[in-house]
């Protein structure tokens, strides 16, 4: 019987396989790179994972095991104390169930900020310029097609709902276009982080934004945070950008607002029922759409994988995590958060 701590890799690694293998010098490495949820649950029941201390899992591994929901979390062996998750969003991990089991969860904020904000700006510009129709027309030999005249970002007000790392990176980029920045958070930021952005109530943000960017986590309190009542409070002709999670918006209500031109255009990277996209978005020429590419760069994905491996090592070796999820910070049983 090995005296080394046991850790488990769920799903595949694209950029850090050598780093993972190198951990074999201090851990017993187990892998579940492919398979089914039932096979995974059976491994939990039959003792295969009885010594596992923590795991690496990702949003991309969800098709293999299914979500880390209550059923799965309650099936994990008693030895299992850490989940190092690859993804800034972790809505497919039931954090409440993990907390009840005193299983700590980390995510990958910071590593994703730049590339996600880049995509947000790309979507904002594409939506402001009504770029979908001319892009399609050009490839079909129709030159600009029935394109509309767009708008400049300069002088517009960018409202950021969720001024975390991605929201602040979005604001930094938008300032270079001469935009005014307002934001709403659960709490106001320190002025050193605001960098001149103005804190607003939620309703004030809706009423004053020319462009509304969603940059907050999906949870029970934020699901459908933008629905028909909120859309009715926005400026006529607002542009909506979402690089966070699709279910932050009631997609049917968004389509209706787009068709009525209460919303003049949207720039979306995420959707309520991915990979399905509401047909009303697909057919609307004022919808500038991407298929969830926010972190799809070699550099960002490599850094995300490395951060997950660092979290796993800090958890197993030192009983702390570098980027513990916010819901668990300050709990009396939770591991310490390392100084980055």
C-alpha atoms as a PDB file:
ATOM      1  CA  UNK A   1       0.000   0.000   0.000  1.00  0.00           C
ATOM      2  CA  UNK A   2       1.478   3.328  -1.064  1.00  0.00           C
ATOM      3  CA  UNK A   3       2.117   5.871   1.686  1.00  0.00           C
ATOM      4  CA  UNK A   4       1.910   8.716  -0.837  1.00  0.00           C
ATOM      5  CA  UNK A   5      -1.249  10.867  -0.980  1.00  0.00           C
ATOM      6  CA  UNK A   6      -3.571   9.861  -3.813  1.00  0.00           C
ATOM      7  CA  UNK A   7      -4.928  12.383  -6.311  1.00  0.00           C
ATOM      8  CA  UNK A   8      -7.230  11.857  -9.267  1.00  0.00           C
ATOM      9  CA  UNK A   9      -7.338  13.458 -12.710  1.00  0.00           C
ATOM     10  CA  UNK A  10     -10.808  13.580 -14.259  1.00  0.00           C
ATOM     11  CA  UNK A  11     -10.867  14.281 -17.996  1.00  0.00           C
ATOM     12  CA  UNK A  12      -7.945  15.243 -20.196  1.00  0.00           C
ATOM     13  CA  UNK A  13      -5.134  17.771 -20.053  1.00  0.00           C
ATOM     14  CA  UNK A  14      -4.223  19.701 -23.196  1.00  0.00           C
ATOM     15  CA  UNK A  15      -1.028  21.466 -22.109  1.00  0.00           C
ATOM     16  CA  UNK A  16       0.266  20.096 -18.816  1.00  0.00           C
ATOM     17  CA  UNK A  17       0.503  16.329 -19.156  1.00  0.00           C
ATOM     18  CA  UNK A  18       4.200  16.406 -18.313  1.00  0.00           C
ATOM     19  CA  UNK A  19       3.572  18.505 -15.215  1.00  0.00           C
ATOM     20  CA  UNK A  20       0.882  16.021 -14.146  1.00  0.00           C
ATOM     21  CA  UNK A  21       3.189  13.042 -14.648  1.00  0.00           C
ATOM     22  CA  UNK A  22       5.919  14.790 -12.641  1.00  0.00           C
ATOM     23  CA  UNK A  23       3.584  14.836  -9.639  1.00  0.00           C
ATOM     24  CA  UNK A  24       4.038  11.072  -9.516  1.00  0.00           C
ATOM     25  CA  UNK A  25       7.195  11.700  -7.489  1.00  0.00           C
ATOM     26  CA  UNK A  26       5.107  12.728  -4.492  1.00  0.00           C
ATOM     27  CA  UNK A  27       1.571  11.451  -5.149  1.00  0.00           C
ATOM     28  CA  UNK A  28      -0.110   8.261  -6.278  1.00  0.00           C
ATOM     29  CA  UNK A  29      -1.738   9.348  -9.527  1.00  0.00           C
ATOM     30  CA  UNK A  30      -5.092   7.967 -10.632  1.00  0.00           C
ATOM     31  CA  UNK A  31      -6.856   8.921 -13.852  1.00  0.00           C
ATOM     32  CA  UNK A  32     -10.412   8.876 -15.170  1.00  0.00           C
ATOM     33  CA  UNK A  33      -9.845  10.525 -18.537  1.00  0.00           C
ATOM     34  CA  UNK A  34     -12.867   8.930 -20.205  1.00  0.00           C
ATOM     35  CA  UNK A  35     -15.871   6.881 -19.203  1.00  0.00           C
ATOM     36  CA  UNK A  36     -19.401   7.366 -17.949  1.00  0.00           C
ATOM     37  CA  UNK A  37     -21.022   8.778 -14.859  1.00  0.00           C
ATOM     38  CA  UNK A  38     -22.122   5.290 -13.789  1.00  0.00           C
ATOM     39  CA  UNK A  39     -18.559   3.988 -14.099  1.00  0.00           C
ATOM     40  CA  UNK A  40     -17.313   6.911 -12.009  1.00  0.00           C
ATOM     41  CA  UNK A  41     -19.949   6.342  -9.323  1.00  0.00           C
ATOM     42  CA  UNK A  42     -19.126   2.643  -9.281  1.00  0.00           C
ATOM     43  CA  UNK A  43     -15.456   3.482  -8.714  1.00  0.00           C
ATOM     44  CA  UNK A  44     -16.555   5.585  -5.750  1.00  0.00           C
ATOM     45  CA  UNK A  45     -18.593   2.677  -4.378  1.00  0.00           C
ATOM     46  CA  UNK A  46     -16.151  -0.186  -4.987  1.00  0.00           C
ATOM     47  CA  UNK A  47     -13.125   1.329  -3.268  1.00  0.00           C
ATOM     48  CA  UNK A  48     -11.157   2.370  -6.367  1.00  0.00           C
ATOM     49  CA  UNK A  49     -11.066   5.926  -5.027  1.00  0.00           C
ATOM     50  CA  UNK A  50     -11.016   5.072  -1.304  1.00  0.00           C
ATOM     51  CA  UNK A  51      -7.674   6.850  -0.756  1.00  0.00           C
ATOM     52  CA  UNK A  52      -8.247   9.868  -3.009  1.00  0.00           C
ATOM     53  CA  UNK A  53      -7.414  13.096  -1.207  1.00  0.00           C
ATOM     54  CA  UNK A  54      -8.320  15.499  -4.007  1.00  0.00           C
ATOM     55  CA  UNK A  55      -9.016  15.731  -7.713  1.00  0.00           C
ATOM     56  CA  UNK A  56      -8.472  17.836 -10.804  1.00  0.00           C
ATOM     57  CA  UNK A  57     -11.704  18.296 -12.741  1.00  0.00           C
ATOM     58  CA  UNK A  58     -12.951  20.823 -15.269  1.00  0.00           C
ATOM     59  CA  UNK A  59     -15.969  22.166 -17.069  1.00  0.00           C
ATOM     60  CA  UNK A  60     -14.778  20.065 -20.015  1.00  0.00           C
ATOM     61  CA  UNK A  61     -14.944  16.890 -17.915  1.00  0.00           C
ATOM     62  CA  UNK A  62     -18.655  17.344 -17.155  1.00  0.00           C
ATOM     63  CA  UNK A  63     -19.721  15.214 -20.174  1.00  0.00           C
ATOM     64  CA  UNK A  64     -17.712  12.339 -18.643  1.00  0.00           C
ATOM     65  CA  UNK A  65     -18.979  12.329 -15.051  1.00  0.00           C
ATOM     66  CA  UNK A  66     -21.932  14.631 -15.347  1.00  0.00           C
ATOM     67  CA  UNK A  67     -22.044  17.600 -12.987  1.00  0.00           C
ATOM     68  CA  UNK A  68     -20.555  17.315  -9.518  1.00  0.00           C
ATOM     69  CA  UNK A  69     -24.080  17.521  -8.141  1.00  0.00           C
ATOM     70  CA  UNK A  70     -25.327  16.388  -4.735  1.00  0.00           C
ATOM     71  CA  UNK A  71     -25.665  12.745  -5.800  1.00  0.00           C
ATOM     72  CA  UNK A  72     -22.072  12.593  -6.963  1.00  0.00           C
ATOM     73  CA  UNK A  73     -20.634  14.619  -4.076  1.00  0.00           C
ATOM     74  CA  UNK A  74     -22.369  12.403  -1.526  1.00  0.00           C
ATOM     75  CA  UNK A  75     -20.858   9.351  -3.267  1.00  0.00           C
ATOM     76  CA  UNK A  76     -17.262  10.554  -2.845  1.00  0.00           C
ATOM     77  CA  UNK A  77     -15.225   8.609  -0.253  1.00  0.00           C
ATOM     78  CA  UNK A  78     -14.516  10.105   3.168  1.00  0.00           C
ATOM     79  CA  UNK A  79     -10.871  10.659   2.237  1.00  0.00           C
ATOM     80  CA  UNK A  80     -11.855  13.175  -0.470  1.00  0.00           C
ATOM     81  CA  UNK A  81     -11.244  16.711   0.818  1.00  0.00           C
ATOM     82  CA  UNK A  82     -10.380  18.865  -2.216  1.00  0.00           C
ATOM     83  CA  UNK A  83     -11.767  19.593  -5.684  1.00  0.00           C
ATOM     84  CA  UNK A  84      -9.426  21.675  -7.840  1.00  0.00           C
ATOM     85  CA  UNK A  85     -11.709  22.852 -10.619  1.00  0.00           C
ATOM     86  CA  UNK A  86     -10.585  24.180 -13.982  1.00  0.00           C
ATOM     87  CA  UNK A  87     -12.891  27.043 -14.914  1.00  0.00           C
ATOM     88  CA  UNK A  88     -13.723  30.522 -13.682  1.00  0.00           C
ATOM     89  CA  UNK A  89     -17.359  29.407 -13.602  1.00  0.00           C
ATOM     90  CA  UNK A  90     -18.178  26.435 -11.396  1.00  0.00           C
ATOM     91  CA  UNK A  91     -21.965  26.194 -11.598  1.00  0.00           C
ATOM     92  CA  UNK A  92     -21.626  22.480 -12.439  1.00  0.00           C
ATOM     93  CA  UNK A  93     -20.187  21.885  -8.953  1.00  0.00           C
ATOM     94  CA  UNK A  94     -22.703  21.825  -6.091  1.00  0.00           C
ATOM     95  CA  UNK A  95     -20.693  23.956  -3.676  1.00  0.00           C
ATOM     96  CA  UNK A  96     -23.353  23.710  -0.985  1.00  0.00           C
ATOM     97  CA  UNK A  97     -23.150  19.909  -1.060  1.00  0.00           C
ATOM     98  CA  UNK A  98     -19.358  20.107  -0.981  1.00  0.00           C
ATOM     99  CA  UNK A  99     -19.489  22.477   1.982  1.00  0.00           C
ATOM    100  CA  UNK A 100     -21.742  20.074   3.903  1.00  0.00           C
ATOM    101  CA  UNK A 101     -19.139  17.367   3.307  1.00  0.00           C
ATOM    102  CA  UNK A 102     -16.311  19.792   4.178  1.00  0.00           C
ATOM    103  CA  UNK A 103     -14.827  19.381   0.719  1.00  0.00           C
ATOM    104  CA  UNK A 104     -12.992  22.512  -0.414  1.00  0.00           C
ATOM    105  CA  UNK A 105     -13.419  23.759  -3.986  1.00  0.00           C
ATOM    106  CA  UNK A 106     -11.123  26.038  -5.985  1.00  0.00           C
ATOM    107  CA  UNK A 107     -11.640  27.654  -9.384  1.00  0.00           C
ATOM    108  CA  UNK A 108      -9.446  29.598 -11.817  1.00  0.00           C
ATOM    109  CA  UNK A 109     -10.142  33.333 -11.510  1.00  0.00           C
ATOM    110  CA  UNK A 110      -7.380  35.601 -12.702  1.00  0.00           C
ATOM    111  CA  UNK A 111      -6.090  33.160 -15.287  1.00  0.00           C
ATOM    112  CA  UNK A 112      -9.139  33.808 -17.481  1.00  0.00           C
ATOM    113  CA  UNK A 113      -9.539  37.555 -17.045  1.00  0.00           C
ATOM    114  CA  UNK A 114      -7.632  38.875 -20.040  1.00  0.00           C
ATOM    115  CA  UNK A 115      -8.829  36.488 -22.721  1.00  0.00           C
ATOM    116  CA  UNK A 116     -12.463  36.664 -21.585  1.00  0.00           C
ATOM    117  CA  UNK A 117     -12.362  40.465 -21.536  1.00  0.00           C
ATOM    118  CA  UNK A 118     -10.807  40.442 -25.022  1.00  0.00           C
ATOM    119  CA  UNK A 119     -13.766  38.419 -26.284  1.00  0.00           C
ATOM    120  CA  UNK A 120     -16.147  40.759 -24.455  1.00  0.00           C
ATOM    121  CA  UNK A 121     -14.695  43.760 -26.247  1.00  0.00           C
ATOM    122  CA  UNK A 122     -14.799  41.896 -29.568  1.00  0.00           C
ATOM    123  CA  UNK A 123     -18.482  41.100 -29.006  1.00  0.00           C
ATOM    124  CA  UNK A 124     -19.234  44.664 -27.951  1.00  0.00           C
ATOM    125  CA  UNK A 125     -17.650  46.110 -31.092  1.00  0.00           C
ATOM    126  CA  UNK A 126     -19.326  43.507 -33.291  1.00  0.00           C
ATOM    127  CA  UNK A 127     -22.705  44.299 -31.771  1.00  0.00           C
ATOM    128  CA  UNK A 128     -22.227  48.077 -31.962  1.00  0.00           C
ATOM    129  CA  UNK A 129     -21.281  47.775 -35.640  1.00  0.00           C
ATOM    130  CA  UNK A 130     -24.069  45.274 -36.446  1.00  0.00           C
ATOM    131  CA  UNK A 131     -21.270  43.160 -37.902  1.00  0.00           C
ATOM    132  CA  UNK A 132     -23.100  39.866 -38.389  1.00  0.00           C
ATOM    133  CA  UNK A 133     -24.932  40.723 -41.615  1.00  0.00           C
ATOM    134  CA  UNK A 134     -21.941  42.166 -43.551  1.00  0.00           C
ATOM    135  CA  UNK A 135     -19.716  39.260 -42.452  1.00  0.00           C
ATOM    136  CA  UNK A 136     -22.230  36.725 -43.778  1.00  0.00           C
ATOM    137  CA  UNK A 137     -22.941  38.788 -46.919  1.00  0.00           C
ATOM    138  CA  UNK A 138     -19.252  39.040 -47.791  1.00  0.00           C
ATOM    139  CA  UNK A 139     -18.818  35.252 -47.789  1.00  0.00           C
ATOM    140  CA  UNK A 140     -21.960  34.843 -49.830  1.00  0.00           C
ATOM    141  CA  UNK A 141     -20.769  37.280 -52.499  1.00  0.00           C
ATOM    142  CA  UNK A 142     -23.216  40.017 -51.522  1.00  0.00           C
ATOM    143  CA  UNK A 143     -20.538  42.461 -50.318  1.00  0.00           C
ATOM    144  CA  UNK A 144     -22.111  44.376 -47.389  1.00  0.00           C
ATOM    145  CA  UNK A 145     -25.586  42.966 -47.878  1.00  0.00           C
ATOM    146  CA  UNK A 146     -28.365  44.781 -46.064  1.00  0.00           C
ATOM    147  CA  UNK A 147     -26.033  46.037 -43.359  1.00  0.00           C
ATOM    148  CA  UNK A 148     -26.973  48.811 -40.941  1.00  0.00           C
ATOM    149  CA  UNK A 149     -24.839  51.762 -39.962  1.00  0.00           C
ATOM    150  CA  UNK A 150     -23.340  51.054 -36.559  1.00  0.00           C
ATOM    151  CA  UNK A 151     -22.140  53.094 -33.622  1.00  0.00           C
ATOM    152  CA  UNK A 152     -18.822  54.137 -32.077  1.00  0.00           C
ATOM    153  CA  UNK A 153     -18.004  53.117 -28.510  1.00  0.00           C
ATOM    154  CA  UNK A 154     -16.501  56.544 -27.773  1.00  0.00           C
ATOM    155  CA  UNK A 155     -18.653  58.567 -25.419  1.00  0.00           C
ATOM    156  CA  UNK A 156     -20.905  55.615 -24.616  1.00  0.00           C
ATOM    157  CA  UNK A 157     -21.487  54.366 -21.075  1.00  0.00           C
ATOM    158  CA  UNK A 158     -20.423  50.794 -20.394  1.00  0.00           C
ATOM    159  CA  UNK A 159     -22.319  49.270 -17.478  1.00  0.00           C
ATOM    160  CA  UNK A 160     -20.607  46.266 -15.910  1.00  0.00           C
ATOM    161  CA  UNK A 161     -22.708  43.886 -13.855  1.00  0.00           C
ATOM    162  CA  UNK A 162     -20.098  42.065 -11.771  1.00  0.00           C
ATOM    163  CA  UNK A 163     -16.876  44.030 -11.316  1.00  0.00           C
ATOM    164  CA  UNK A 164     -14.599  41.117 -10.502  1.00  0.00           C
ATOM    165  CA  UNK A 165     -11.379  40.346 -12.343  1.00  0.00           C
ATOM    166  CA  UNK A 166     -13.029  39.917 -15.737  1.00  0.00           C
ATOM    167  CA  UNK A 167     -15.255  42.962 -15.269  1.00  0.00           C
ATOM    168  CA  UNK A 168     -12.263  45.108 -14.314  1.00  0.00           C
ATOM    169  CA  UNK A 169     -10.276  43.809 -17.298  1.00  0.00           C
ATOM    170  CA  UNK A 170     -13.243  44.685 -19.503  1.00  0.00           C
ATOM    171  CA  UNK A 171     -13.311  48.184 -18.006  1.00  0.00           C
ATOM    172  CA  UNK A 172      -9.576  48.675 -18.585  1.00  0.00           C
ATOM    173  CA  UNK A 173      -9.982  47.846 -22.254  1.00  0.00           C
ATOM    174  CA  UNK A 174     -13.124  49.923 -22.694  1.00  0.00           C
ATOM    175  CA  UNK A 175     -11.407  53.037 -21.304  1.00  0.00           C
ATOM    176  CA  UNK A 176      -9.065  52.999 -24.288  1.00  0.00           C
ATOM    177  CA  UNK A 177     -12.130  53.513 -26.511  1.00  0.00           C
ATOM    178  CA  UNK A 178     -13.181  56.597 -24.555  1.00  0.00           C
ATOM    179  CA  UNK A 179     -16.077  54.926 -22.749  1.00  0.00           C
ATOM    180  CA  UNK A 180     -17.442  55.941 -19.354  1.00  0.00           C
ATOM    181  CA  UNK A 181     -17.579  53.044 -16.880  1.00  0.00           C
ATOM    182  CA  UNK A 182     -20.303  52.378 -14.336  1.00  0.00           C
ATOM    183  CA  UNK A 183     -20.823  49.156 -12.414  1.00  0.00           C
ATOM    184  CA  UNK A 184     -22.907  47.238  -9.903  1.00  0.00           C
ATOM    185  CA  UNK A 185     -21.579  44.664  -7.436  1.00  0.00           C
ATOM    186  CA  UNK A 186     -22.797  43.163  -4.195  1.00  0.00           C
ATOM    187  CA  UNK A 187     -20.558  45.772  -2.611  1.00  0.00           C
ATOM    188  CA  UNK A 188     -18.618  48.817  -3.794  1.00  0.00           C
ATOM    189  CA  UNK A 189     -14.966  48.308  -4.643  1.00  0.00           C
ATOM    190  CA  UNK A 190     -12.021  50.125  -3.147  1.00  0.00           C
ATOM    191  CA  UNK A 191     -11.237  53.242  -5.226  1.00  0.00           C
ATOM    192  CA  UNK A 192      -7.896  51.709  -6.226  1.00  0.00           C
ATOM    193  CA  UNK A 193      -9.834  48.978  -8.049  1.00  0.00           C
ATOM    194  CA  UNK A 194     -12.576  51.256  -9.374  1.00  0.00           C
ATOM    195  CA  UNK A 195     -10.099  53.415 -11.318  1.00  0.00           C
ATOM    196  CA  UNK A 196     -12.759  56.072 -11.745  1.00  0.00           C
ATOM    197  CA  UNK A 197     -15.670  53.732 -12.459  1.00  0.00           C
ATOM    198  CA  UNK A 198     -18.881  54.822 -10.744  1.00  0.00           C
ATOM    199  CA  UNK A 199     -20.757  52.479  -8.424  1.00  0.00           C
ATOM    200  CA  UNK A 200     -24.496  52.292  -9.128  1.00  0.00           C
ATOM    201  CA  UNK A 201     -27.535  50.468  -7.812  1.00  0.00           C
ATOM    202  CA  UNK A 202     -28.751  47.664 -10.068  1.00  0.00           C
ATOM    203  CA  UNK A 203     -31.678  49.722 -11.362  1.00  0.00           C
ATOM    204  CA  UNK A 204     -29.434  52.737 -11.988  1.00  0.00           C
ATOM    205  CA  UNK A 205     -27.048  50.530 -13.951  1.00  0.00           C
ATOM    206  CA  UNK A 206     -29.891  49.290 -16.131  1.00  0.00           C
ATOM    207  CA  UNK A 207     -31.193  52.796 -16.755  1.00  0.00           C
ATOM    208  CA  UNK A 208     -27.851  54.438 -17.576  1.00  0.00           C
ATOM    209  CA  UNK A 209     -25.926  51.838 -19.597  1.00  0.00           C
ATOM    210  CA  UNK A 210     -25.547  52.196 -23.351  1.00  0.00           C
ATOM    211  CA  UNK A 211     -23.788  48.842 -23.298  1.00  0.00           C
ATOM    212  CA  UNK A 212     -24.529  46.357 -20.509  1.00  0.00           C
ATOM    213  CA  UNK A 213     -21.863  43.690 -19.937  1.00  0.00           C
ATOM    214  CA  UNK A 214     -22.583  40.658 -17.766  1.00  0.00           C
ATOM    215  CA  UNK A 215     -19.507  39.510 -15.846  1.00  0.00           C
ATOM    216  CA  UNK A 216     -20.837  37.692 -12.804  1.00  0.00           C
ATOM    217  CA  UNK A 217     -21.080  34.087 -11.627  1.00  0.00           C
ATOM    218  CA  UNK A 218     -24.169  31.957 -12.171  1.00  0.00           C
ATOM    219  CA  UNK A 219     -25.861  30.730  -9.018  1.00  0.00           C
ATOM    220  CA  UNK A 220     -29.370  30.479  -7.618  1.00  0.00           C
ATOM    221  CA  UNK A 221     -29.526  34.212  -6.921  1.00  0.00           C
ATOM    222  CA  UNK A 222     -28.227  35.318 -10.334  1.00  0.00           C
ATOM    223  CA  UNK A 223     -30.079  32.906 -12.642  1.00  0.00           C
ATOM    224  CA  UNK A 224     -32.257  35.007 -14.979  1.00  0.00           C
ATOM    225  CA  UNK A 225     -31.031  38.189 -13.307  1.00  0.00           C
ATOM    226  CA  UNK A 226     -31.792  39.771 -16.679  1.00  0.00           C
ATOM    227  CA  UNK A 227     -35.373  38.989 -17.681  1.00  0.00           C
ATOM    228  CA  UNK A 228     -38.337  40.944 -19.058  1.00  0.00           C
ATOM    229  CA  UNK A 229     -38.719  43.294 -16.034  1.00  0.00           C
ATOM    230  CA  UNK A 230     -35.033  44.233 -16.087  1.00  0.00           C
ATOM    231  CA  UNK A 231     -34.951  44.623 -19.865  1.00  0.00           C
ATOM    232  CA  UNK A 232     -37.881  47.026 -19.593  1.00  0.00           C
ATOM    233  CA  UNK A 233     -35.768  49.222 -17.284  1.00  0.00           C
ATOM    234  CA  UNK A 234     -32.890  49.542 -19.737  1.00  0.00           C
ATOM    235  CA  UNK A 235     -32.281  52.413 -22.119  1.00  0.00           C
ATOM    236  CA  UNK A 236     -34.128  52.034 -25.394  1.00  0.00           C
ATOM    237  CA  UNK A 237     -31.576  50.588 -27.810  1.00  0.00           C
ATOM    238  CA  UNK A 238     -29.168  49.183 -25.226  1.00  0.00           C
ATOM    239  CA  UNK A 239     -26.496  46.709 -26.371  1.00  0.00           C
ATOM    240  CA  UNK A 240     -26.102  43.614 -24.183  1.00  0.00           C
ATOM    241  CA  UNK A 241     -22.875  41.604 -23.974  1.00  0.00           C
ATOM    242  CA  UNK A 242     -22.571  38.301 -22.120  1.00  0.00           C
ATOM    243  CA  UNK A 243     -19.343  36.331 -21.702  1.00  0.00           C
ATOM    244  CA  UNK A 244     -20.233  34.838 -18.304  1.00  0.00           C
ATOM    245  CA  UNK A 245     -23.026  32.242 -18.284  1.00  0.00           C
ATOM    246  CA  UNK A 246     -26.014  32.050 -20.596  1.00  0.00           C
ATOM    247  CA  UNK A 247     -28.583  31.389 -17.868  1.00  0.00           C
ATOM    248  CA  UNK A 248     -27.925  34.807 -16.346  1.00  0.00           C
ATOM    249  CA  UNK A 249     -30.361  35.950 -19.048  1.00  0.00           C
ATOM    250  CA  UNK A 250     -33.835  34.658 -19.784  1.00  0.00           C
ATOM    251  CA  UNK A 251     -33.080  33.982 -23.442  1.00  0.00           C
ATOM    252  CA  UNK A 252     -36.710  34.068 -24.607  1.00  0.00           C
ATOM    253  CA  UNK A 253     -37.156  37.474 -22.985  1.00  0.00           C
ATOM    254  CA  UNK A 254     -33.939  38.694 -24.595  1.00  0.00           C
ATOM    255  CA  UNK A 255     -35.142  37.604 -28.032  1.00  0.00           C
ATOM    256  CA  UNK A 256     -38.414  39.466 -27.496  1.00  0.00           C
ATOM    257  CA  UNK A 257     -36.543  42.615 -26.453  1.00  0.00           C
ATOM    258  CA  UNK A 258     -34.256  42.308 -29.468  1.00  0.00           C
ATOM    259  CA  UNK A 259     -37.208  41.930 -31.817  1.00  0.00           C
ATOM    260  CA  UNK A 260     -38.976  44.950 -30.297  1.00  0.00           C
ATOM    261  CA  UNK A 261     -35.680  46.895 -30.532  1.00  0.00           C
ATOM    262  CA  UNK A 262     -35.711  47.683 -26.828  1.00  0.00           C
ATOM    263  CA  UNK A 263     -32.335  45.960 -27.180  1.00  0.00           C
ATOM    264  CA  UNK A 264     -30.645  47.174 -30.342  1.00  0.00           C
ATOM    265  CA  UNK A 265     -28.012  44.424 -30.538  1.00  0.00           C
ATOM    266  CA  UNK A 266     -26.396  41.654 -28.533  1.00  0.00           C
ATOM    267  CA  UNK A 267     -22.918  40.173 -28.388  1.00  0.00           C
ATOM    268  CA  UNK A 268     -23.070  36.700 -26.851  1.00  0.00           C
ATOM    269  CA  UNK A 269     -20.496  34.008 -26.156  1.00  0.00           C
ATOM    270  CA  UNK A 270     -22.697  31.936 -23.834  1.00  0.00           C
ATOM    271  CA  UNK A 271     -26.224  30.572 -23.998  1.00  0.00           C
ATOM    272  CA  UNK A 272     -28.900  29.342 -21.655  1.00  0.00           C
ATOM    273  CA  UNK A 273     -28.983  25.759 -22.961  1.00  0.00           C
ATOM    274  CA  UNK A 274     -25.585  25.235 -24.590  1.00  0.00           C
ATOM    275  CA  UNK A 275     -24.884  23.956 -27.152  1.00  0.00           C
ATOM    276  CA  UNK A 276     -28.416  24.843 -28.232  1.00  0.00           C
ATOM    277  CA  UNK A 277     -28.950  28.480 -29.185  1.00  0.00           C
ATOM    278  CA  UNK A 278     -32.388  30.071 -29.253  1.00  0.00           C
ATOM    279  CA  UNK A 279     -33.525  30.215 -32.912  1.00  0.00           C
ATOM    280  CA  UNK A 280     -34.594  33.814 -32.398  1.00  0.00           C
ATOM    281  CA  UNK A 281     -30.949  34.726 -31.798  1.00  0.00           C
ATOM    282  CA  UNK A 282     -29.644  32.680 -34.693  1.00  0.00           C
ATOM    283  CA  UNK A 283     -31.948  34.337 -37.212  1.00  0.00           C
ATOM    284  CA  UNK A 284     -31.519  37.903 -35.954  1.00  0.00           C
ATOM    285  CA  UNK A 285     -28.929  39.912 -37.887  1.00  0.00           C
ATOM    286  CA  UNK A 286     -28.380  42.160 -34.856  1.00  0.00           C
ATOM    287  CA  UNK A 287     -27.113  39.233 -32.782  1.00  0.00           C
ATOM    288  CA  UNK A 288     -23.331  38.880 -32.925  1.00  0.00           C
ATOM    289  CA  UNK A 289     -22.671  35.350 -31.687  1.00  0.00           C
ATOM    290  CA  UNK A 290     -19.692  33.190 -30.735  1.00  0.00           C
ATOM    291  CA  UNK A 291     -19.732  29.540 -29.548  1.00  0.00           C
ATOM    292  CA  UNK A 292     -18.272  29.980 -26.025  1.00  0.00           C
ATOM    293  CA  UNK A 293     -14.719  30.978 -26.981  1.00  0.00           C
ATOM    294  CA  UNK A 294     -13.957  33.193 -23.964  1.00  0.00           C
ATOM    295  CA  UNK A 295     -10.924  31.255 -22.755  1.00  0.00           C
ATOM    296  CA  UNK A 296     -10.057  29.519 -26.025  1.00  0.00           C
ATOM    297  CA  UNK A 297      -6.424  30.520 -26.352  1.00  0.00           C
ATOM    298  CA  UNK A 298      -3.374  28.342 -25.880  1.00  0.00           C
ATOM    299  CA  UNK A 299      -1.874  30.745 -23.371  1.00  0.00           C
ATOM    300  CA  UNK A 300      -4.980  31.047 -21.202  1.00  0.00           C
ATOM    301  CA  UNK A 301      -5.811  27.349 -21.187  1.00  0.00           C
ATOM    302  CA  UNK A 302      -2.238  26.470 -20.288  1.00  0.00           C
ATOM    303  CA  UNK A 303      -2.288  28.940 -17.389  1.00  0.00           C
ATOM    304  CA  UNK A 304      -5.660  27.621 -16.210  1.00  0.00           C
ATOM    305  CA  UNK A 305      -4.342  24.046 -16.139  1.00  0.00           C
ATOM    306  CA  UNK A 306      -1.235  25.145 -14.271  1.00  0.00           C
ATOM    307  CA  UNK A 307      -3.296  27.034 -11.702  1.00  0.00           C
ATOM    308  CA  UNK A 308      -5.447  23.949 -11.081  1.00  0.00           C
ATOM    309  CA  UNK A 309      -2.365  21.813 -10.523  1.00  0.00           C
ATOM    310  CA  UNK A 310      -0.967  24.435  -8.146  1.00  0.00           C
ATOM    311  CA  UNK A 311      -4.253  24.471  -6.249  1.00  0.00           C
ATOM    312  CA  UNK A 312      -4.219  20.697  -5.971  1.00  0.00           C
ATOM    313  CA  UNK A 313      -0.666  20.643  -4.650  1.00  0.00           C
ATOM    314  CA  UNK A 314      -1.252  23.473  -2.163  1.00  0.00           C
ATOM    315  CA  UNK A 315      -4.353  21.672  -0.906  1.00  0.00           C
ATOM    316  CA  UNK A 316      -2.748  18.267  -0.432  1.00  0.00           C
ATOM    317  CA  UNK A 317       0.650  19.488   0.765  1.00  0.00           C
ATOM    318  CA  UNK A 318      -0.267  22.473   2.916  1.00  0.00           C
ATOM    319  CA  UNK A 319      -4.006  22.333   3.575  1.00  0.00           C
ATOM    320  CA  UNK A 320      -4.661  25.586   1.726  1.00  0.00           C
ATOM    321  CA  UNK A 321      -5.887  26.633  -1.705  1.00  0.00           C
ATOM    322  CA  UNK A 322      -4.735  29.481  -3.873  1.00  0.00           C
ATOM    323  CA  UNK A 323      -8.172  30.363  -5.250  1.00  0.00           C
ATOM    324  CA  UNK A 324     -10.812  28.920  -2.954  1.00  0.00           C
ATOM    325  CA  UNK A 325     -14.346  29.696  -4.186  1.00  0.00           C
ATOM    326  CA  UNK A 326     -15.897  32.713  -2.499  1.00  0.00           C
ATOM    327  CA  UNK A 327     -18.753  30.757  -0.901  1.00  0.00           C
ATOM    328  CA  UNK A 328     -16.276  28.858   1.272  1.00  0.00           C
ATOM    329  CA  UNK A 329     -13.937  31.661   2.315  1.00  0.00           C
ATOM    330  CA  UNK A 330     -13.995  32.332   6.034  1.00  0.00           C
ATOM    331  CA  UNK A 331     -15.697  29.071   7.036  1.00  0.00           C
ATOM    332  CA  UNK A 332     -14.138  27.659  10.194  1.00  0.00           C
ATOM    333  CA  UNK A 333     -13.245  24.330   8.551  1.00  0.00           C
ATOM    334  CA  UNK A 334     -12.152  25.708   5.182  1.00  0.00           C
ATOM    335  CA  UNK A 335      -8.486  25.615   4.132  1.00  0.00           C
ATOM    336  CA  UNK A 336      -6.504  28.797   4.255  1.00  0.00           C
ATOM    337  CA  UNK A 337      -6.288  30.894   1.130  1.00  0.00           C
ATOM    338  CA  UNK A 338      -2.677  31.277   0.038  1.00  0.00           C
ATOM    339  CA  UNK A 339      -1.187  34.672  -0.689  1.00  0.00           C
ATOM    340  CA  UNK A 340      -0.696  34.821  -4.451  1.00  0.00           C
END
